Amino acid sequence: MKMETENIMKSFVQLIESAANGKKRILDLGDDMTFYRGEIHIIKVVGDYPGMYISEIAQRFNVTRAVISKTIKKLETRGFIIKEEVKADKKKLAVYLTKKG
């Protein structure tokens, strides 16, 4: 059963990556599961590196913090991402996926 679950997850990740790297601008998986390419990339990075700061994500994609902040706010509103203040530095926000994400 564990191997079957791993295979399903692997196939799902491959589907998402192919959509993110493909020519389509929007991936529609039904319900509230419609994503733009940039959103897919951000979800993948946050999933791979939980707790990243918005500035780190911006550096990774070579875009401004404002672009990432705007996209993360949309994903947060839709319930895919949560932001948490960093206790050591209240100015920074760490980003995590939710269960839905």
N, C-alpha and C. Protein backbone atom coordinates (compact mmCIF):
# COMPACT_ATOMS: atom_id res chain seq x y z
N MET A 1 0.83 -1.19 0.00
CA MET A 1 0.00 0.00 0.00
C MET A 1 0.87 1.26 0.00
N LYS A 2 1.96 1.24 0.80
CA LYS A 2 2.85 2.39 0.87
C LYS A 2 3.49 2.68 -0.49
N MET A 3 3.88 1.62 -1.18
CA MET A 3 4.51 1.78 -2.50
C MET A 3 3.51 2.37 -3.49
N GLU A 4 2.26 1.93 -3.39
CA GLU A 4 1.22 2.45 -4.28
C GLU A 4 1.00 3.94 -4.04
N THR A 5 0.97 4.34 -2.78
CA THR A 5 0.82 5.76 -2.44
C THR A 5 1.99 6.57 -2.97
N GLU A 6 3.19 6.06 -2.81
CA GLU A 6 4.38 6.75 -3.32
C GLU A 6 4.32 6.90 -4.83
N ASN A 7 3.87 5.86 -5.52
CA ASN A 7 3.76 5.93 -6.98
C ASN A 7 2.73 6.97 -7.41
N ILE A 8 1.62 7.03 -6.69
CA ILE A 8 0.58 8.03 -7.00
C ILE A 8 1.13 9.43 -6.79
N MET A 9 1.82 9.65 -5.67
CA MET A 9 2.38 10.97 -5.40
C MET A 9 3.44 11.35 -6.44
N LYS A 10 4.24 10.39 -6.83
CA LYS A 10 5.27 10.65 -7.84
C LYS A 10 4.62 11.05 -9.16
N SER A 11 3.58 10.32 -9.55
CA SER A 11 2.86 10.65 -10.79
C SER A 11 2.22 12.02 -10.72
N PHE A 12 1.67 12.34 -9.55
CA PHE A 12 1.03 13.65 -9.37
C PHE A 12 2.06 14.77 -9.49
N VAL A 13 3.20 14.61 -8.86
CA VAL A 13 4.26 15.62 -8.94
C VAL A 13 4.74 15.78 -10.38
N GLN A 14 4.88 14.68 -11.09
CA GLN A 14 5.30 14.76 -12.50
C GLN A 14 4.27 15.50 -13.33
N LEU A 15 2.99 15.26 -13.07
CA LEU A 15 1.92 15.97 -13.77
C LEU A 15 2.01 17.47 -13.50
N ILE A 16 2.16 17.83 -12.24
CA ILE A 16 2.24 19.25 -11.86
C ILE A 16 3.46 19.89 -12.49
N GLU A 17 4.60 19.23 -12.45
CA GLU A 17 5.82 19.79 -13.04
C GLU A 17 5.70 19.94 -14.55
N SER A 18 5.09 18.97 -15.19
CA SER A 18 4.94 19.10 -16.65
C SER A 18 4.00 20.24 -16.98
N ALA A 19 2.97 20.43 -16.17
CA ALA A 19 2.06 21.56 -16.40
C ALA A 19 2.77 22.88 -16.12
N ALA A 20 3.57 22.91 -15.07
CA ALA A 20 4.28 24.14 -14.71
C ALA A 20 5.31 24.51 -15.77
N ASN A 21 5.88 23.53 -16.40
CA ASN A 21 6.93 23.80 -17.39
C ASN A 21 6.39 23.80 -18.82
N GLY A 22 5.12 23.52 -18.98
CA GLY A 22 4.52 23.45 -20.30
C GLY A 22 4.14 24.82 -20.83
N LYS A 23 3.49 24.83 -21.94
CA LYS A 23 3.11 26.07 -22.58
C LYS A 23 1.80 26.65 -22.04
N LYS A 24 1.02 25.82 -21.35
CA LYS A 24 -0.24 26.30 -20.79
C LYS A 24 0.04 27.28 -19.66
N ARG A 25 -0.75 28.33 -19.60
CA ARG A 25 -0.60 29.31 -18.53
C ARG A 25 -1.41 28.93 -17.31
N ILE A 26 -2.46 28.11 -17.51
CA ILE A 26 -3.35 27.75 -16.41
C ILE A 26 -3.52 26.24 -16.36
N LEU A 27 -3.45 25.68 -15.15
CA LEU A 27 -3.72 24.27 -14.94
C LEU A 27 -5.02 24.17 -14.16
N ASP A 28 -6.03 23.56 -14.75
CA ASP A 28 -7.34 23.44 -14.11
C ASP A 28 -7.56 21.99 -13.69
N LEU A 29 -7.55 21.76 -12.37
CA LEU A 29 -7.78 20.43 -11.85
C LEU A 29 -9.20 20.28 -11.30
N GLY A 30 -10.05 21.28 -11.55
CA GLY A 30 -11.43 21.23 -11.08
C GLY A 30 -11.58 21.87 -9.71
N ASP A 31 -12.83 22.10 -9.31
CA ASP A 31 -13.17 22.74 -8.03
C ASP A 31 -12.35 24.02 -7.85
N ASP A 32 -11.69 24.14 -6.71
CA ASP A 32 -10.86 25.31 -6.41
C ASP A 32 -9.41 25.00 -6.72
N MET A 33 -9.17 24.15 -7.69
CA MET A 33 -7.82 23.69 -7.99
C MET A 33 -7.38 24.18 -9.36
N THR A 34 -7.48 25.48 -9.58
CA THR A 34 -7.01 26.10 -10.81
C THR A 34 -5.79 26.95 -10.46
N PHE A 35 -4.70 26.71 -11.16
CA PHE A 35 -3.45 27.39 -10.82
C PHE A 35 -2.81 28.01 -12.06
N TYR A 36 -2.18 29.15 -11.86
CA TYR A 36 -1.30 29.72 -12.87
C TYR A 36 0.07 29.07 -12.71
N ARG A 37 0.88 29.13 -13.74
CA ARG A 37 2.20 28.50 -13.69
C ARG A 37 3.03 28.98 -12.52
N GLY A 38 3.03 30.29 -12.27
CA GLY A 38 3.81 30.84 -11.17
C GLY A 38 3.36 30.30 -9.82
N GLU A 39 2.07 30.11 -9.66
CA GLU A 39 1.54 29.57 -8.40
C GLU A 39 2.02 28.14 -8.19
N ILE A 40 2.05 27.37 -9.25
CA ILE A 40 2.51 25.99 -9.16
C ILE A 40 3.97 25.95 -8.73
N HIS A 41 4.79 26.82 -9.31
CA HIS A 41 6.20 26.86 -8.95
C HIS A 41 6.38 27.23 -7.48
N ILE A 42 5.62 28.20 -7.02
CA ILE A 42 5.72 28.63 -5.62
C ILE A 42 5.28 27.51 -4.69
N ILE A 43 4.18 26.84 -5.00
CA ILE A 43 3.72 25.74 -4.16
C ILE A 43 4.78 24.64 -4.08
N LYS A 44 5.41 24.35 -5.21
CA LYS A 44 6.45 23.32 -5.22
C LYS A 44 7.63 23.72 -4.35
N VAL A 45 8.10 24.95 -4.48
CA VAL A 45 9.25 25.40 -3.69
C VAL A 45 8.92 25.40 -2.20
N VAL A 46 7.75 25.90 -1.85
CA VAL A 46 7.36 25.93 -0.43
C VAL A 46 7.20 24.50 0.10
N GLY A 47 6.71 23.60 -0.72
CA GLY A 47 6.61 22.20 -0.31
C GLY A 47 7.98 21.55 -0.13
N ASP A 48 8.91 21.90 -1.00
CA ASP A 48 10.26 21.33 -0.92
C ASP A 48 11.07 21.96 0.21
N TYR A 49 10.84 23.23 0.49
CA TYR A 49 11.61 23.96 1.51
C TYR A 49 10.67 24.70 2.46
N PRO A 50 9.94 23.99 3.32
CA PRO A 50 9.01 24.66 4.23
C PRO A 50 9.74 25.65 5.13
N GLY A 51 9.10 26.77 5.39
CA GLY A 51 9.68 27.78 6.27
C GLY A 51 10.53 28.82 5.56
N MET A 52 10.54 28.78 4.23
CA MET A 52 11.30 29.79 3.48
C MET A 52 10.68 31.16 3.70
N TYR A 53 11.51 32.19 3.60
CA TYR A 53 11.02 33.56 3.68
C TYR A 53 10.61 34.02 2.28
N ILE A 54 9.72 34.98 2.24
CA ILE A 54 9.27 35.53 0.96
C ILE A 54 10.46 36.05 0.16
N SER A 55 11.41 36.69 0.85
CA SER A 55 12.58 37.23 0.15
C SER A 55 13.42 36.11 -0.47
N GLU A 56 13.50 34.96 0.20
CA GLU A 56 14.26 33.83 -0.34
C GLU A 56 13.59 33.27 -1.59
N ILE A 57 12.28 33.20 -1.55
CA ILE A 57 11.54 32.71 -2.72
C ILE A 57 11.73 33.67 -3.88
N ALA A 58 11.68 34.96 -3.61
CA ALA A 58 11.88 35.97 -4.65
C ALA A 58 13.27 35.84 -5.27
N GLN A 59 14.28 35.64 -4.44
CA GLN A 59 15.64 35.47 -4.95
C GLN A 59 15.74 34.22 -5.82
N ARG A 60 15.10 33.14 -5.39
CA ARG A 60 15.14 31.89 -6.14
C ARG A 60 14.59 32.06 -7.55
N PHE A 61 13.49 32.85 -7.69
CA PHE A 61 12.86 33.04 -8.99
C PHE A 61 13.35 34.31 -9.70
N ASN A 62 14.23 35.05 -9.04
CA ASN A 62 14.78 36.28 -9.61
C ASN A 62 13.66 37.28 -9.96
N VAL A 63 12.74 37.47 -9.02
CA VAL A 63 11.67 38.45 -9.16
C VAL A 63 11.62 39.27 -7.86
N THR A 64 10.79 40.30 -7.84
CA THR A 64 10.71 41.13 -6.65
C THR A 64 9.89 40.45 -5.55
N ARG A 65 10.10 40.92 -4.32
CA ARG A 65 9.32 40.41 -3.19
C ARG A 65 7.84 40.71 -3.37
N ALA A 66 7.54 41.84 -4.01
CA ALA A 66 6.14 42.23 -4.22
C ALA A 66 5.41 41.20 -5.08
N VAL A 67 6.06 40.69 -6.10
CA VAL A 67 5.44 39.69 -6.98
C VAL A 67 5.13 38.42 -6.18
N ILE A 68 6.10 37.98 -5.39
CA ILE A 68 5.91 36.77 -4.59
C ILE A 68 4.86 37.00 -3.52
N SER A 69 4.90 38.16 -2.87
CA SER A 69 3.92 38.47 -1.82
C SER A 69 2.50 38.44 -2.36
N LYS A 70 2.31 39.01 -3.53
CA LYS A 70 0.98 39.05 -4.15
C LYS A 70 0.48 37.63 -4.45
N THR A 71 1.34 36.80 -5.00
CA THR A 71 0.96 35.43 -5.33
C THR A 71 0.70 34.63 -4.07
N ILE A 72 1.55 34.80 -3.07
CA ILE A 72 1.37 34.07 -1.81
C ILE A 72 0.08 34.50 -1.12
N LYS A 73 -0.25 35.77 -1.20
CA LYS A 73 -1.51 36.25 -0.61
C LYS A 73 -2.71 35.55 -1.27
N LYS A 74 -2.66 35.41 -2.61
CA LYS A 74 -3.73 34.71 -3.32
C LYS A 74 -3.82 33.25 -2.87
N LEU A 75 -2.66 32.59 -2.77
CA LEU A 75 -2.64 31.20 -2.36
C LEU A 75 -3.08 31.04 -0.90
N GLU A 76 -2.76 32.02 -0.08
CA GLU A 76 -3.17 32.00 1.32
C GLU A 76 -4.69 32.15 1.43
N THR A 77 -5.25 33.06 0.65
CA THR A 77 -6.70 33.28 0.63
C THR A 77 -7.44 32.01 0.21
N ARG A 78 -6.84 31.28 -0.71
CA ARG A 78 -7.47 30.04 -1.21
C ARG A 78 -7.18 28.85 -0.31
N GLY A 79 -6.35 29.04 0.73
CA GLY A 79 -6.12 27.98 1.71
C GLY A 79 -5.00 27.02 1.40
N PHE A 80 -4.08 27.38 0.51
CA PHE A 80 -2.99 26.49 0.14
C PHE A 80 -1.70 26.77 0.93
N ILE A 81 -1.57 27.99 1.42
CA ILE A 81 -0.34 28.41 2.09
C ILE A 81 -0.70 29.19 3.35
N ILE A 82 0.17 29.08 4.36
CA ILE A 82 0.03 29.93 5.54
C ILE A 82 1.36 30.65 5.76
N LYS A 83 1.26 31.84 6.32
CA LYS A 83 2.45 32.62 6.67
C LYS A 83 2.51 32.70 8.18
N GLU A 84 3.71 32.58 8.73
CA GLU A 84 3.91 32.68 10.17
C GLU A 84 5.05 33.65 10.44
N GLU A 85 4.85 34.49 11.47
CA GLU A 85 5.93 35.39 11.88
C GLU A 85 7.08 34.58 12.45
N VAL A 86 8.28 35.04 12.19
CA VAL A 86 9.48 34.43 12.75
C VAL A 86 9.71 35.07 14.11
N LYS A 87 9.80 34.26 15.15
CA LYS A 87 9.92 34.80 16.51
C LYS A 87 11.16 35.66 16.70
N ALA A 88 12.26 35.26 16.08
CA ALA A 88 13.52 36.00 16.22
C ALA A 88 13.50 37.34 15.49
N ASP A 89 12.72 37.43 14.42
CA ASP A 89 12.66 38.65 13.62
C ASP A 89 11.22 38.86 13.15
N LYS A 90 10.49 39.73 13.83
CA LYS A 90 9.05 39.93 13.55
C LYS A 90 8.78 40.47 12.15
N LYS A 91 9.80 41.01 11.48
CA LYS A 91 9.61 41.55 10.13
C LYS A 91 9.52 40.44 9.09
N LYS A 92 10.07 39.28 9.41
CA LYS A 92 10.12 38.18 8.44
C LYS A 92 8.92 37.27 8.60
N LEU A 93 8.47 36.72 7.49
CA LEU A 93 7.38 35.76 7.48
C LEU A 93 7.86 34.47 6.84
N ALA A 94 7.70 33.36 7.55
CA ALA A 94 8.01 32.05 7.00
C ALA A 94 6.75 31.52 6.32
N VAL A 95 6.93 30.80 5.24
CA VAL A 95 5.80 30.33 4.44
C VAL A 95 5.78 28.80 4.48
N TYR A 96 4.57 28.26 4.70
CA TYR A 96 4.36 26.81 4.78
C TYR A 96 3.14 26.42 3.96
N LEU A 97 3.11 25.17 3.50
CA LEU A 97 1.91 24.65 2.86
C LEU A 97 0.92 24.22 3.93
N THR A 98 -0.35 24.36 3.62
CA THR A 98 -1.39 23.81 4.48
C THR A 98 -1.63 22.37 4.05
N LYS A 99 -2.52 21.70 4.73
CA LYS A 99 -2.87 20.34 4.35
C LYS A 99 -3.43 20.32 2.92
N LYS A 100 -4.23 21.34 2.60
CA LYS A 100 -4.80 21.46 1.25
C LYS A 100 -3.70 21.68 0.22
N GLY A 101 -2.67 22.44 0.60
CA GLY A 101 -1.55 22.73 -0.29
C GLY A 101 -0.70 21.52 -0.55
